[in-house]
Amino acid sequence: MLTKTCDKFLHPALLAAIFIAPFALPNFNAQLATLRLMIIVALTWDMTGMRAGHVRQSLR
C-alpha cells in the first residue's frame, strides 16, 4: 500500500522537479541538460545487449 501511494505522488513530483529545475537553478542549465540526457540513455539502453535500440542479429 505504501509503494502505491509513494508512486502516486513521487512520479508527478519528480516530473515537476525536472521542469522547474532550470528556472529555479539557472546557473546549472548545462548540468541539468546532461542529467536529463543520461536519464534518457539509461531508460533506453538495452541491458542484455549493451546496445541502444538495435535489433539483435541471430548467430549463424
Protein backbone atom coordinates (compact mmCIF):
# COMPACT_ATOMS: atom_id res chain seq x y z
CA MET A 1 0.00 0.00 0.00
CA LEU A 2 2.82 2.38 0.83
CA THR A 3 4.55 1.85 -2.52
CA LYS A 4 1.39 2.62 -4.49
CA THR A 5 0.91 5.82 -2.51
CA CYS A 6 4.57 6.68 -2.92
CA ASP A 7 4.44 6.06 -6.67
CA LYS A 8 1.24 8.05 -6.93
CA PHE A 9 2.92 11.19 -5.55
CA LEU A 10 6.61 10.59 -6.29
CA HIS A 11 6.42 10.33 -10.08
CA PRO A 12 4.47 13.58 -10.59
CA ALA A 13 6.74 15.32 -8.08
CA LEU A 14 9.86 14.19 -9.96
CA LEU A 15 8.37 15.28 -13.28
CA ALA A 16 7.53 18.67 -11.82
CA ALA A 17 11.05 19.00 -10.41
CA ILE A 18 12.56 18.21 -13.81
CA PHE A 19 10.57 21.00 -15.45
CA ILE A 20 11.00 23.54 -12.64
CA ALA A 21 14.73 22.96 -12.04
CA PRO A 22 16.05 25.06 -14.99
CA PHE A 23 14.05 28.06 -13.80
CA ALA A 24 14.90 27.59 -10.13
CA LEU A 25 18.59 26.88 -10.77
CA PRO A 26 19.58 28.86 -13.90
CA ASN A 27 23.31 28.52 -13.23
CA PHE A 28 23.11 24.73 -13.65
CA ASN A 29 21.42 24.51 -17.06
CA ALA A 30 24.28 22.58 -18.69
CA GLN A 31 24.48 20.08 -15.84
CA LEU A 32 20.71 19.62 -15.80
CA ALA A 33 20.65 19.06 -19.56
CA THR A 34 23.38 16.44 -19.20
CA LEU A 35 21.47 14.79 -16.37
CA ARG A 36 18.32 14.61 -18.50
CA LEU A 37 20.30 13.12 -21.38
CA MET A 38 21.85 10.48 -19.11
CA ILE A 39 18.41 9.57 -17.75
CA ILE A 40 17.06 9.13 -21.29
CA VAL A 41 20.05 6.98 -22.28
CA ALA A 42 19.69 4.88 -19.14
CA LEU A 43 16.00 4.29 -19.79
CA THR A 44 16.53 3.27 -23.41
CA TRP A 45 19.70 1.20 -23.04
CA ASP A 46 19.42 -2.49 -23.84
CA MET A 47 20.73 -4.11 -20.67
CA THR A 48 21.38 -7.53 -22.21
CA GLY A 49 22.98 -6.47 -25.48
CA MET A 50 24.75 -3.28 -24.37
CA ARG A 51 23.29 -1.52 -27.37
CA ALA A 52 20.73 1.24 -27.53
CA GLY A 53 17.80 0.50 -29.78
CA HIS A 54 19.43 -2.09 -32.04
CA VAL A 55 17.73 -5.29 -33.11
CA ARG A 56 19.75 -8.38 -32.32
CA GLN A 57 21.03 -10.37 -35.24
CA SER A 58 20.81 -14.11 -34.93
CA LEU A 59 24.05 -16.03 -34.72
CA ARG A 60 24.64 -18.34 -37.65
